[in-house]
Amino acid sequence: MFNSIADKYDMINHVLSGGIDFYWRWRALSKLSSIEDSLILDLATGTGDFSLAARRFSPRKVVGVDVAREMIKLGVDKVRKCSFDAYFLGGDAESLPFRSDTYDIVMVAFGVRNFGHIPMGLSEAYRVLRPGGQLVVLDFCEPTLPIVRGLYLLYFRRILPFLGGLISGERQAYEYLPRSVSNFPQGGGFLDLMHKAGFIENSATELTLGICSIYLGEKK
């Protein structure tokens, strides 16, 4: 599904979010204690927007992993044009091809919902992090304020699938998005999963009236 919309994915995301997704990525990265000279693993990297957002914080290197090969190809082209030290490869978040205790930071933007098995993906993230390393997850959530929630659900379930399908020609992909958010263990539910995977100092920060959240945790 993601391979089929890869060529229009970035443009549609920026348009349908009104460009606020750039701010969300910056806020998520700003929550980390330190990025400079860090080795970063970007899970479900897609076309590499989160990896490229980390560039301004001067990491040592970013490695991006995703199962959608067409998305990765676009990410490789974007990184090459920026002369940024990032490396992308195909791979499954639930079975990472890296040694334990390797990365300083593991990050995921709008991708945890798409893991085949979220607890296993979090366990793998924990495994490849070095002790003291941090996990940061950025993802959609459903607002709880009644008026905001009503408007959000109208846009997310009706308008967004129509516009996304119209532009991409793949309405199914944009009907999947609101379903995946509804099924995602948001807020305290996701913090519980992080705790069970071994993470400590876990926190959740809501953004933009509760339509997006940053989850932060640390490896013991």
N, C-alpha and C. Protein backbone atom coordinates (compact mmCIF):
# COMPACT_ATOMS: atom_id res chain seq x y z
N MET A 1 0.82 -1.20 0.00
CA MET A 1 0.00 0.00 0.00
C MET A 1 0.86 1.26 0.00
N PHE A 2 1.88 1.30 0.86
CA PHE A 2 2.74 2.48 0.92
C PHE A 2 3.60 2.61 -0.32
N ASN A 3 4.02 1.48 -0.88
CA ASN A 3 4.77 1.55 -2.14
C ASN A 3 3.94 2.20 -3.23
N SER A 4 2.64 1.96 -3.24
CA SER A 4 1.78 2.45 -4.32
C SER A 4 1.57 3.96 -4.25
N ILE A 5 1.75 4.58 -3.07
CA ILE A 5 1.55 6.03 -2.95
C ILE A 5 2.86 6.77 -2.71
N ALA A 6 3.98 6.08 -2.85
CA ALA A 6 5.28 6.66 -2.49
C ALA A 6 5.58 7.97 -3.21
N ASP A 7 5.30 8.03 -4.52
CA ASP A 7 5.70 9.21 -5.29
C ASP A 7 4.95 10.47 -4.91
N LYS A 8 3.77 10.32 -4.28
CA LYS A 8 2.99 11.49 -3.87
C LYS A 8 2.89 11.63 -2.35
N TYR A 9 3.54 10.74 -1.63
CA TYR A 9 3.38 10.65 -0.19
C TYR A 9 3.75 11.95 0.53
N ASP A 10 4.93 12.49 0.26
CA ASP A 10 5.38 13.69 0.95
C ASP A 10 4.47 14.88 0.67
N MET A 11 4.16 15.09 -0.59
CA MET A 11 3.33 16.23 -0.96
C MET A 11 1.96 16.16 -0.30
N ILE A 12 1.34 14.99 -0.32
CA ILE A 12 0.01 14.84 0.27
C ILE A 12 0.06 15.06 1.78
N ASN A 13 1.08 14.52 2.44
CA ASN A 13 1.21 14.70 3.89
C ASN A 13 1.30 16.18 4.25
N HIS A 14 2.13 16.91 3.55
CA HIS A 14 2.33 18.32 3.87
C HIS A 14 1.07 19.14 3.59
N VAL A 15 0.39 18.81 2.50
CA VAL A 15 -0.83 19.53 2.15
C VAL A 15 -1.95 19.24 3.14
N LEU A 16 -2.19 17.96 3.42
CA LEU A 16 -3.31 17.59 4.28
C LEU A 16 -3.09 17.98 5.74
N SER A 17 -1.85 18.15 6.15
CA SER A 17 -1.57 18.59 7.53
C SER A 17 -1.39 20.10 7.61
N GLY A 18 -1.46 20.79 6.49
CA GLY A 18 -1.23 22.23 6.49
C GLY A 18 0.20 22.60 6.81
N GLY A 19 1.12 21.65 6.64
CA GLY A 19 2.54 21.90 6.91
C GLY A 19 2.94 21.81 8.37
N ILE A 20 1.98 21.52 9.25
CA ILE A 20 2.30 21.48 10.68
C ILE A 20 3.13 20.25 11.04
N ASP A 21 3.20 19.27 10.13
CA ASP A 21 4.00 18.07 10.41
C ASP A 21 5.48 18.41 10.56
N PHE A 22 5.96 19.47 9.92
CA PHE A 22 7.36 19.91 10.10
C PHE A 22 7.59 20.33 11.55
N TYR A 23 6.64 21.09 12.09
CA TYR A 23 6.73 21.54 13.48
C TYR A 23 6.69 20.37 14.44
N TRP A 24 5.80 19.41 14.18
CA TRP A 24 5.70 18.24 15.06
C TRP A 24 7.02 17.49 15.14
N ARG A 25 7.67 17.29 14.02
CA ARG A 25 8.96 16.57 14.02
C ARG A 25 10.01 17.35 14.82
N TRP A 26 10.04 18.65 14.63
CA TRP A 26 11.00 19.48 15.36
C TRP A 26 10.74 19.40 16.86
N ARG A 27 9.49 19.47 17.29
CA ARG A 27 9.15 19.39 18.71
C ARG A 27 9.58 18.05 19.30
N ALA A 28 9.33 16.98 18.55
CA ALA A 28 9.70 15.65 19.03
C ALA A 28 11.20 15.55 19.23
N LEU A 29 11.98 16.01 18.27
CA LEU A 29 13.44 15.94 18.38
C LEU A 29 13.94 16.85 19.50
N SER A 30 13.26 17.97 19.71
CA SER A 30 13.67 18.91 20.76
C SER A 30 13.48 18.33 22.16
N LYS A 31 12.65 17.30 22.30
CA LYS A 31 12.42 16.68 23.60
C LYS A 31 13.58 15.80 24.04
N LEU A 32 14.42 15.38 23.10
CA LEU A 32 15.54 14.51 23.43
C LEU A 32 16.61 15.29 24.19
N SER A 33 17.29 14.61 25.11
CA SER A 33 18.28 15.29 25.94
C SER A 33 19.49 15.74 25.13
N SER A 34 19.88 14.95 24.13
CA SER A 34 21.02 15.32 23.30
C SER A 34 20.98 14.53 22.00
N ILE A 35 21.23 15.22 20.90
CA ILE A 35 21.29 14.57 19.59
C ILE A 35 22.67 14.71 18.96
N GLU A 36 23.35 15.78 19.29
CA GLU A 36 24.64 16.05 18.66
C GLU A 36 25.60 14.86 18.81
N ASP A 37 26.16 14.44 17.69
CA ASP A 37 27.12 13.33 17.62
C ASP A 37 26.51 11.99 18.01
N SER A 38 25.18 11.88 17.96
CA SER A 38 24.52 10.62 18.31
C SER A 38 24.35 9.72 17.08
N LEU A 39 24.32 8.42 17.33
CA LEU A 39 23.98 7.45 16.30
C LEU A 39 22.49 7.16 16.43
N ILE A 40 21.73 7.44 15.37
CA ILE A 40 20.27 7.38 15.43
C ILE A 40 19.73 6.29 14.51
N LEU A 41 18.74 5.57 15.01
CA LEU A 41 17.99 4.62 14.19
C LEU A 41 16.58 5.17 14.00
N ASP A 42 16.18 5.35 12.75
CA ASP A 42 14.86 5.87 12.40
C ASP A 42 14.02 4.73 11.86
N LEU A 43 13.11 4.21 12.69
CA LEU A 43 12.28 3.08 12.29
C LEU A 43 11.06 3.56 11.49
N ALA A 44 10.60 2.73 10.56
CA ALA A 44 9.50 3.10 9.66
C ALA A 44 9.79 4.46 9.05
N THR A 45 11.01 4.61 8.53
CA THR A 45 11.50 5.91 8.08
C THR A 45 10.75 6.48 6.89
N GLY A 46 10.08 5.63 6.10
CA GLY A 46 9.36 6.12 4.94
C GLY A 46 10.29 6.79 3.95
N THR A 47 10.00 8.04 3.61
CA THR A 47 10.86 8.78 2.68
C THR A 47 11.92 9.59 3.40
N GLY A 48 12.07 9.37 4.71
CA GLY A 48 13.18 9.95 5.44
C GLY A 48 12.97 11.34 6.00
N ASP A 49 11.73 11.81 6.11
CA ASP A 49 11.51 13.17 6.63
C ASP A 49 12.00 13.35 8.06
N PHE A 50 11.80 12.33 8.91
CA PHE A 50 12.24 12.45 10.31
C PHE A 50 13.77 12.43 10.37
N SER A 51 14.38 11.59 9.55
CA SER A 51 15.85 11.56 9.48
C SER A 51 16.41 12.91 9.05
N LEU A 52 15.80 13.51 8.06
CA LEU A 52 16.26 14.81 7.57
C LEU A 52 16.00 15.91 8.59
N ALA A 53 14.91 15.79 9.35
CA ALA A 53 14.64 16.78 10.39
C ALA A 53 15.71 16.76 11.47
N ALA A 54 16.31 15.58 11.70
CA ALA A 54 17.37 15.46 12.72
C ALA A 54 18.67 16.13 12.28
N ARG A 55 18.78 16.43 11.00
CA ARG A 55 20.03 16.97 10.47
C ARG A 55 20.45 18.26 11.19
N ARG A 56 19.48 19.13 11.49
CA ARG A 56 19.81 20.42 12.12
C ARG A 56 20.38 20.26 13.53
N PHE A 57 20.22 19.05 14.13
CA PHE A 57 20.73 18.81 15.48
C PHE A 57 22.11 18.15 15.47
N SER A 58 22.69 17.99 14.29
CA SER A 58 24.06 17.50 14.12
C SER A 58 24.32 16.10 14.70
N PRO A 59 23.53 15.09 14.31
CA PRO A 59 23.85 13.73 14.75
C PRO A 59 25.09 13.22 14.03
N ARG A 60 25.69 12.16 14.58
CA ARG A 60 26.84 11.56 13.91
C ARG A 60 26.40 10.85 12.63
N LYS A 61 25.31 10.09 12.74
CA LYS A 61 24.79 9.36 11.59
C LYS A 61 23.37 8.91 11.89
N VAL A 62 22.56 8.82 10.83
CA VAL A 62 21.20 8.30 10.95
C VAL A 62 21.05 7.08 10.04
N VAL A 63 20.49 6.02 10.59
CA VAL A 63 20.18 4.82 9.81
C VAL A 63 18.67 4.67 9.79
N GLY A 64 18.07 4.64 8.59
CA GLY A 64 16.63 4.51 8.46
C GLY A 64 16.25 3.12 7.98
N VAL A 65 15.18 2.56 8.54
CA VAL A 65 14.71 1.22 8.18
C VAL A 65 13.22 1.29 7.85
N ASP A 66 12.83 0.62 6.76
CA ASP A 66 11.41 0.56 6.40
C ASP A 66 11.19 -0.67 5.52
N VAL A 67 9.97 -1.20 5.57
CA VAL A 67 9.64 -2.35 4.72
C VAL A 67 9.21 -1.93 3.33
N ALA A 68 8.86 -0.65 3.14
CA ALA A 68 8.37 -0.17 1.85
C ALA A 68 9.56 0.31 1.01
N ARG A 69 9.98 -0.49 0.07
CA ARG A 69 11.20 -0.21 -0.69
C ARG A 69 11.07 1.04 -1.55
N GLU A 70 9.89 1.29 -2.13
CA GLU A 70 9.73 2.47 -2.98
C GLU A 70 9.86 3.76 -2.16
N MET A 71 9.41 3.72 -0.91
CA MET A 71 9.57 4.89 -0.03
C MET A 71 11.05 5.13 0.26
N ILE A 72 11.77 4.06 0.52
CA ILE A 72 13.19 4.18 0.82
C ILE A 72 13.96 4.76 -0.36
N LYS A 73 13.61 4.35 -1.56
CA LYS A 73 14.29 4.88 -2.74
C LYS A 73 14.17 6.41 -2.80
N LEU A 74 13.00 6.92 -2.49
CA LEU A 74 12.80 8.37 -2.49
C LEU A 74 13.63 9.01 -1.37
N GLY A 75 13.69 8.34 -0.21
CA GLY A 75 14.49 8.86 0.89
C GLY A 75 15.96 8.94 0.55
N VAL A 76 16.46 7.94 -0.14
CA VAL A 76 17.86 7.94 -0.57
C VAL A 76 18.15 9.13 -1.46
N ASP A 77 17.25 9.42 -2.39
CA ASP A 77 17.43 10.56 -3.29
C ASP A 77 17.41 11.88 -2.51
N LYS A 78 16.53 12.00 -1.54
CA LYS A 78 16.44 13.24 -0.75
C LYS A 78 17.71 13.47 0.06
N VAL A 79 18.21 12.41 0.66
CA VAL A 79 19.42 12.52 1.48
C VAL A 79 20.63 12.86 0.61
N ARG A 80 20.71 12.24 -0.57
CA ARG A 80 21.83 12.50 -1.47
C ARG A 80 21.89 13.98 -1.86
N LYS A 81 20.73 14.56 -2.11
CA LYS A 81 20.68 15.97 -2.51
C LYS A 81 21.11 16.89 -1.38
N CYS A 82 20.91 16.44 -0.14
CA CYS A 82 21.27 17.26 1.03
C CYS A 82 22.68 17.00 1.53
N SER A 83 23.37 16.01 0.96
CA SER A 83 24.72 15.63 1.41
C SER A 83 24.73 15.36 2.91
N PHE A 84 23.74 14.59 3.36
CA PHE A 84 23.59 14.27 4.77
C PHE A 84 24.00 12.83 5.01
N ASP A 85 24.67 12.56 6.13
CA ASP A 85 25.17 11.22 6.42
C ASP A 85 24.04 10.36 6.99
N ALA A 86 23.24 9.82 6.08
CA ALA A 86 22.15 8.93 6.46
C ALA A 86 22.15 7.74 5.52
N TYR A 87 21.79 6.59 6.05
CA TYR A 87 21.81 5.34 5.28
C TYR A 87 20.47 4.65 5.48
N PHE A 88 19.81 4.30 4.38
CA PHE A 88 18.50 3.66 4.45
C PHE A 88 18.57 2.23 3.94
N LEU A 89 17.81 1.35 4.59
CA LEU A 89 17.77 -0.03 4.14
C LEU A 89 16.41 -0.63 4.41
N GLY A 90 16.06 -1.66 3.63
CA GLY A 90 14.82 -2.37 3.86
C GLY A 90 14.95 -3.25 5.09
N GLY A 91 13.91 -3.28 5.89
CA GLY A 91 13.96 -4.10 7.10
C GLY A 91 12.68 -4.01 7.90
N ASP A 92 12.51 -4.95 8.80
CA ASP A 92 11.32 -5.08 9.62
C ASP A 92 11.62 -4.63 11.04
N ALA A 93 10.82 -3.72 11.57
CA ALA A 93 11.04 -3.19 12.92
C ALA A 93 10.98 -4.26 13.99
N GLU A 94 10.30 -5.38 13.69
CA GLU A 94 10.19 -6.45 14.69
C GLU A 94 11.34 -7.44 14.64
N SER A 95 12.24 -7.27 13.68
CA SER A 95 13.40 -8.17 13.56
C SER A 95 14.56 -7.37 12.95
N LEU A 96 15.18 -6.56 13.77
CA LEU A 96 16.20 -5.63 13.28
C LEU A 96 17.55 -6.31 13.10
N PRO A 97 18.25 -5.99 12.01
CA PRO A 97 19.54 -6.63 11.73
C PRO A 97 20.73 -5.91 12.37
N PHE A 98 20.57 -5.52 13.65
CA PHE A 98 21.62 -4.78 14.33
C PHE A 98 21.97 -5.44 15.66
N ARG A 99 23.19 -5.20 16.10
CA ARG A 99 23.62 -5.72 17.39
C ARG A 99 22.91 -4.99 18.53
N SER A 100 22.83 -5.64 19.65
CA SER A 100 22.27 -5.01 20.85
C SER A 100 23.17 -3.87 21.31
N ASP A 101 22.57 -2.90 22.00
CA ASP A 101 23.31 -1.80 22.63
C ASP A 101 24.13 -1.00 21.60
N THR A 102 23.51 -0.69 20.47
CA THR A 102 24.23 -0.02 19.39
C THR A 102 23.90 1.47 19.27
N TYR A 103 22.63 1.83 19.36
CA TYR A 103 22.19 3.19 19.02
C TYR A 103 21.99 4.07 20.25
N ASP A 104 22.25 5.35 20.06
CA ASP A 104 22.00 6.34 21.12
C ASP A 104 20.53 6.74 21.16
N ILE A 105 19.90 6.76 19.99
CA ILE A 105 18.50 7.18 19.88
C ILE A 105 17.79 6.27 18.88
N VAL A 106 16.59 5.85 19.24
CA VAL A 106 15.68 5.22 18.28
C VAL A 106 14.47 6.13 18.17
N MET A 107 14.08 6.45 16.94
CA MET A 107 12.94 7.35 16.76
C MET A 107 11.99 6.79 15.70
N VAL A 108 10.71 7.13 15.87
CA VAL A 108 9.68 6.67 14.94
C VAL A 108 8.66 7.79 14.78
N ALA A 109 8.40 8.22 13.56
CA ALA A 109 7.38 9.24 13.31
C ALA A 109 6.28 8.66 12.44
N PHE A 110 5.08 8.58 12.99
CA PHE A 110 3.90 8.13 12.26
C PHE A 110 4.08 6.74 11.67
N GLY A 111 4.79 5.89 12.39
CA GLY A 111 5.05 4.55 11.88
C GLY A 111 4.77 3.42 12.84
N VAL A 112 4.75 3.69 14.15
CA VAL A 112 4.51 2.63 15.13
C VAL A 112 3.16 1.95 14.88
N ARG A 113 2.16 2.74 14.46
CA ARG A 113 0.84 2.16 14.17
C ARG A 113 0.89 1.07 13.10
N ASN A 114 1.92 1.15 12.25
CA ASN A 114 2.01 0.21 11.13
C ASN A 114 2.87 -1.01 11.43
N PHE A 115 3.42 -1.08 12.63
CA PHE A 115 4.17 -2.28 13.01
C PHE A 115 3.22 -3.48 12.98
N GLY A 116 3.74 -4.62 12.53
CA GLY A 116 2.93 -5.83 12.56
C GLY A 116 2.57 -6.24 13.97
N HIS A 117 3.49 -5.99 14.91
CA HIS A 117 3.28 -6.32 16.32
C HIS A 117 4.00 -5.25 17.14
N ILE A 118 3.24 -4.31 17.68
CA ILE A 118 3.84 -3.15 18.34
C ILE A 118 4.72 -3.55 19.53
N PRO A 119 4.29 -4.43 20.43
CA PRO A 119 5.16 -4.80 21.55
C PRO A 119 6.50 -5.38 21.10
N MET A 120 6.49 -6.18 20.04
CA MET A 120 7.74 -6.75 19.55
C MET A 120 8.64 -5.66 18.96
N GLY A 121 8.03 -4.70 18.24
CA GLY A 121 8.80 -3.59 17.70
C GLY A 121 9.44 -2.76 18.80
N LEU A 122 8.71 -2.53 19.89
CA LEU A 122 9.27 -1.78 21.01
C LEU A 122 10.38 -2.57 21.71
N SER A 123 10.22 -3.88 21.81
CA SER A 123 11.26 -4.72 22.41
C SER A 123 12.54 -4.68 21.59
N GLU A 124 12.40 -4.67 20.27
CA GLU A 124 13.56 -4.58 19.39
C GLU A 124 14.22 -3.20 19.51
N ALA A 125 13.41 -2.16 19.61
CA ALA A 125 13.96 -0.82 19.81
C ALA A 125 14.77 -0.77 21.10
N TYR A 126 14.23 -1.38 22.15
CA TYR A 126 14.93 -1.42 23.44
C TYR A 126 16.24 -2.19 23.31
N ARG A 127 16.20 -3.30 22.62
CA ARG A 127 17.40 -4.15 22.48
C ARG A 127 18.55 -3.41 21.80
N VAL A 128 18.26 -2.69 20.72
CA VAL A 128 19.35 -2.07 19.95
C VAL A 128 19.81 -0.74 20.55
N LEU A 129 19.06 -0.21 21.51
CA LEU A 129 19.51 1.00 22.20
C LEU A 129 20.62 0.68 23.20
N ARG A 130 21.56 1.57 23.33
CA ARG A 130 22.56 1.42 24.38
C ARG A 130 21.93 1.81 25.71
N PRO A 131 22.46 1.35 26.85
CA PRO A 131 21.95 1.79 28.15
C PRO A 131 22.02 3.31 28.26
N GLY A 132 20.91 3.91 28.68
CA GLY A 132 20.83 5.36 28.75
C GLY A 132 20.34 6.00 27.47
N GLY A 133 20.20 5.19 26.41
CA GLY A 133 19.70 5.71 25.14
C GLY A 133 18.21 6.02 25.22
N GLN A 134 17.73 6.82 24.28
CA GLN A 134 16.34 7.28 24.33
C GLN A 134 15.52 6.81 23.13
N LEU A 135 14.24 6.60 23.38
CA LEU A 135 13.26 6.32 22.34
C LEU A 135 12.32 7.52 22.26
N VAL A 136 12.07 8.01 21.04
CA VAL A 136 11.07 9.06 20.84
C VAL A 136 10.13 8.62 19.72
N VAL A 137 8.84 8.67 20.02
CA VAL A 137 7.80 8.25 19.08
C VAL A 137 6.86 9.43 18.87
N LEU A 138 6.59 9.73 17.61
CA LEU A 138 5.64 10.78 17.25
C LEU A 138 4.51 10.14 16.47
N ASP A 139 3.28 10.35 16.92
CA ASP A 139 2.17 9.74 16.17
C ASP A 139 0.86 10.46 16.44
N PHE A 140 -0.10 10.19 15.56
CA PHE A 140 -1.43 10.77 15.69
C PHE A 140 -2.16 10.18 16.88
N CYS A 141 -3.10 10.96 17.39
CA CYS A 141 -4.04 10.46 18.40
C CYS A 141 -5.37 11.17 18.17
N GLU A 142 -6.39 10.71 18.85
CA GLU A 142 -7.70 11.31 18.71
C GLU A 142 -7.95 12.28 19.86
N PRO A 143 -8.28 13.54 19.57
CA PRO A 143 -8.52 14.52 20.64
C PRO A 143 -9.67 14.09 21.54
N THR A 144 -9.63 14.57 22.77
CA THR A 144 -10.68 14.22 23.73
C THR A 144 -11.66 15.38 23.95
N LEU A 145 -11.25 16.64 23.67
CA LEU A 145 -12.16 17.77 23.81
C LEU A 145 -13.31 17.60 22.81
N PRO A 146 -14.56 17.65 23.27
CA PRO A 146 -15.71 17.30 22.42
C PRO A 146 -15.77 18.04 21.08
N ILE A 147 -15.65 19.38 21.09
CA ILE A 147 -15.77 20.14 19.85
C ILE A 147 -14.61 19.82 18.91
N VAL A 148 -13.41 19.81 19.47
CA VAL A 148 -12.22 19.51 18.65
C VAL A 148 -12.31 18.10 18.10
N ARG A 149 -12.75 17.16 18.94
CA ARG A 149 -12.85 15.76 18.51
C ARG A 149 -13.84 15.61 17.34
N GLY A 150 -14.97 16.30 17.45
CA GLY A 150 -15.97 16.20 16.40
C GLY A 150 -15.46 16.71 15.06
N LEU A 151 -14.80 17.86 15.08
CA LEU A 151 -14.26 18.43 13.84
C LEU A 151 -13.13 17.56 13.30
N TYR A 152 -12.31 17.08 14.21
CA TYR A 152 -11.18 16.23 13.81
C TYR A 152 -11.67 14.95 13.13
N LEU A 153 -12.64 14.28 13.73
CA LEU A 153 -13.13 13.03 13.17
C LEU A 153 -13.83 13.25 11.83
N LEU A 154 -14.51 14.38 11.69
CA LEU A 154 -15.13 14.71 10.41
C LEU A 154 -14.06 14.85 9.33
N TYR A 155 -13.00 15.59 9.64
CA TYR A 155 -11.93 15.78 8.67
C TYR A 155 -11.18 14.46 8.42
N PHE A 156 -10.84 13.77 9.49
CA PHE A 156 -9.97 12.59 9.40
C PHE A 156 -10.67 11.42 8.71
N ARG A 157 -11.97 11.26 8.97
CA ARG A 157 -12.68 10.08 8.45
C ARG A 157 -13.41 10.34 7.13
N ARG A 158 -13.69 11.62 6.84
CA ARG A 158 -14.46 11.92 5.63
C ARG A 158 -13.64 12.71 4.60
N ILE A 159 -13.13 13.86 5.02
CA ILE A 159 -12.48 14.77 4.07
C ILE A 159 -11.10 14.26 3.66
N LEU A 160 -10.30 13.85 4.63
CA LEU A 160 -8.93 13.40 4.33
C LEU A 160 -8.91 12.20 3.37
N PRO A 161 -9.71 11.15 3.60
CA PRO A 161 -9.68 10.03 2.64
C PRO A 161 -10.10 10.45 1.24
N PHE A 162 -11.06 11.38 1.15
CA PHE A 162 -11.51 11.84 -0.17
C PHE A 162 -10.39 12.60 -0.87
N LEU A 163 -9.78 13.58 -0.17
CA LEU A 163 -8.73 14.37 -0.80
C LEU A 163 -7.48 13.53 -1.08
N GLY A 164 -7.09 12.69 -0.11
CA GLY A 164 -5.92 11.84 -0.31
C GLY A 164 -6.11 10.89 -1.47
N GLY A 165 -7.31 10.31 -1.57
CA GLY A 165 -7.60 9.40 -2.67
C GLY A 165 -7.66 10.13 -4.00
N LEU A 166 -8.19 11.35 -3.99
CA LEU A 166 -8.29 12.13 -5.22
C LEU A 166 -6.91 12.46 -5.78
N ILE A 167 -6.00 12.85 -4.89
CA ILE A 167 -4.66 13.25 -5.32
C ILE A 167 -3.80 12.05 -5.68
N SER A 168 -3.87 11.01 -4.85
CA SER A 168 -2.98 9.85 -5.03
C SER A 168 -3.55 8.77 -5.95
N GLY A 169 -4.89 8.75 -6.08
CA GLY A 169 -5.52 7.67 -6.82
C GLY A 169 -5.63 6.39 -6.02
N GLU A 170 -5.28 6.46 -4.72
CA GLU A 170 -5.30 5.28 -3.84
C GLU A 170 -6.08 5.61 -2.57
N ARG A 171 -7.40 5.72 -2.70
CA ARG A 171 -8.21 6.10 -1.54
C ARG A 171 -8.06 5.11 -0.39
N GLN A 172 -7.86 3.85 -0.69
CA GLN A 172 -7.74 2.82 0.35
C GLN A 172 -6.66 3.17 1.37
N ALA A 173 -5.55 3.74 0.88
CA ALA A 173 -4.45 4.09 1.79
C ALA A 173 -4.87 5.16 2.78
N TYR A 174 -5.71 6.09 2.34
CA TYR A 174 -6.11 7.19 3.22
C TYR A 174 -7.37 6.87 4.01
N GLU A 175 -8.03 5.78 3.68
CA GLU A 175 -9.07 5.25 4.57
C GLU A 175 -8.43 4.41 5.67
N TYR A 176 -7.29 3.82 5.36
CA TYR A 176 -6.55 3.03 6.36
C TYR A 176 -6.04 3.93 7.49
N LEU A 177 -5.61 5.15 7.16
CA LEU A 177 -5.01 6.04 8.16
C LEU A 177 -5.90 6.27 9.38
N PRO A 178 -7.15 6.76 9.22
CA PRO A 178 -7.98 6.96 10.42
C PRO A 178 -8.29 5.67 11.17
N ARG A 179 -8.41 4.55 10.43
CA ARG A 179 -8.63 3.26 11.12
C ARG A 179 -7.45 2.89 11.99
N SER A 180 -6.24 3.11 11.46
CA SER A 180 -5.05 2.74 12.21
C SER A 180 -4.89 3.61 13.45
N VAL A 181 -5.29 4.88 13.36
CA VAL A 181 -5.21 5.76 14.54
C VAL A 181 -6.22 5.34 15.59
N SER A 182 -7.42 4.99 15.17
CA SER A 182 -8.46 4.55 16.12
C SER A 182 -8.04 3.29 16.86
N ASN A 183 -7.33 2.41 16.17
CA ASN A 183 -6.91 1.13 16.77
C ASN A 183 -5.62 1.23 17.56
N PHE A 184 -4.96 2.36 17.49
CA PHE A 184 -3.66 2.53 18.14
C PHE A 184 -3.84 2.76 19.65
N PRO A 185 -3.04 2.10 20.50
CA PRO A 185 -3.13 2.31 21.95
C PRO A 185 -2.53 3.66 22.34
N GLN A 186 -3.35 4.68 22.41
CA GLN A 186 -2.89 6.05 22.59
C GLN A 186 -2.67 6.39 24.06
N GLY A 187 -1.89 7.47 24.28
CA GLY A 187 -1.70 8.00 25.62
C GLY A 187 -1.18 6.97 26.60
N GLY A 188 -1.92 6.77 27.69
CA GLY A 188 -1.50 5.83 28.73
C GLY A 188 -1.35 4.41 28.23
N GLY A 189 -2.15 4.04 27.23
CA GLY A 189 -2.04 2.69 26.68
C GLY A 189 -0.69 2.44 26.03
N PHE A 190 -0.20 3.44 25.31
CA PHE A 190 1.10 3.27 24.68
C PHE A 190 2.22 3.36 25.71
N LEU A 191 2.07 4.20 26.72
CA LEU A 191 3.07 4.27 27.78
C LEU A 191 3.18 2.93 28.51
N ASP A 192 2.07 2.24 28.67
CA ASP A 192 2.09 0.91 29.29
C ASP A 192 2.92 -0.06 28.45
N LEU A 193 2.76 0.01 27.13
CA LEU A 193 3.54 -0.86 26.25
C LEU A 193 5.03 -0.55 26.33
N MET A 194 5.35 0.73 26.43
CA MET A 194 6.76 1.11 26.58
C MET A 194 7.33 0.57 27.89
N HIS A 195 6.54 0.68 28.96
CA HIS A 195 6.99 0.19 30.27
C HIS A 195 7.22 -1.33 30.23
N LYS A 196 6.31 -2.05 29.58
CA LYS A 196 6.45 -3.50 29.48
C LYS A 196 7.67 -3.90 28.65
N ALA A 197 8.06 -3.05 27.69
CA ALA A 197 9.24 -3.33 26.88
C ALA A 197 10.54 -3.04 27.63
N GLY A 198 10.42 -2.38 28.81
CA GLY A 198 11.60 -2.11 29.63
C GLY A 198 11.97 -0.65 29.75
N PHE A 199 11.29 0.23 29.04
CA PHE A 199 11.64 1.65 29.08
C PHE A 199 11.25 2.29 30.40
N ILE A 200 12.04 3.28 30.81
CA ILE A 200 11.78 4.02 32.05
C ILE A 200 11.67 5.51 31.72
N GLU A 201 11.28 6.30 32.73
CA GLU A 201 11.12 7.74 32.57
C GLU A 201 10.21 8.06 31.38
N ASN A 202 9.14 7.30 31.24
CA ASN A 202 8.27 7.44 30.09
C ASN A 202 7.31 8.63 30.25
N SER A 203 7.07 9.33 29.15
CA SER A 203 6.18 10.48 29.19
C SER A 203 5.47 10.64 27.86
N ALA A 204 4.31 11.30 27.90
CA ALA A 204 3.55 11.60 26.70
C ALA A 204 3.22 13.09 26.70
N THR A 205 3.42 13.74 25.57
CA THR A 205 3.14 15.17 25.42
C THR A 205 2.20 15.36 24.23
N GLU A 206 1.03 15.94 24.48
CA GLU A 206 0.08 16.19 23.40
C GLU A 206 0.44 17.47 22.66
N LEU A 207 0.20 17.47 21.36
CA LEU A 207 0.44 18.64 20.52
C LEU A 207 -0.84 19.01 19.77
N THR A 208 -0.98 20.29 19.47
CA THR A 208 -2.04 20.80 18.60
C THR A 208 -3.42 20.26 18.99
N LEU A 209 -3.84 20.61 20.19
CA LEU A 209 -5.17 20.26 20.71
C LEU A 209 -5.40 18.76 20.79
N GLY A 210 -4.31 18.01 20.91
CA GLY A 210 -4.43 16.57 21.13
C GLY A 210 -4.55 15.72 19.88
N ILE A 211 -4.19 16.26 18.70
CA ILE A 211 -4.27 15.43 17.50
C ILE A 211 -2.96 14.71 17.20
N CYS A 212 -1.95 14.99 18.00
CA CYS A 212 -0.66 14.33 17.83
C CYS A 212 0.00 14.25 19.20
N SER A 213 0.82 13.23 19.43
CA SER A 213 1.51 13.07 20.71
C SER A 213 2.95 12.66 20.52
N ILE A 214 3.79 13.11 21.45
CA ILE A 214 5.19 12.69 21.52
C ILE A 214 5.34 11.77 22.72
N TYR A 215 5.91 10.60 22.49
CA TYR A 215 6.18 9.65 23.56
C TYR A 215 7.69 9.54 23.71
N LEU A 216 8.15 9.63 24.95
CA LEU A 216 9.59 9.63 25.22
C LEU A 216 9.88 8.62 26.31
N GLY A 217 10.95 7.83 26.11
CA GLY A 217 11.36 6.86 27.11
C GLY A 217 12.86 6.63 27.05
N GLU A 218 13.38 5.93 28.05
CA GLU A 218 14.82 5.72 28.16
C GLU A 218 15.11 4.26 28.49
N LYS A 219 16.22 3.74 27.98
CA LYS A 219 16.64 2.39 28.33
C LYS A 219 17.41 2.43 29.64
N LYS A 220 17.15 1.46 30.50
CA LYS A 220 17.83 1.39 31.79
C LYS A 220 19.33 1.29 31.61
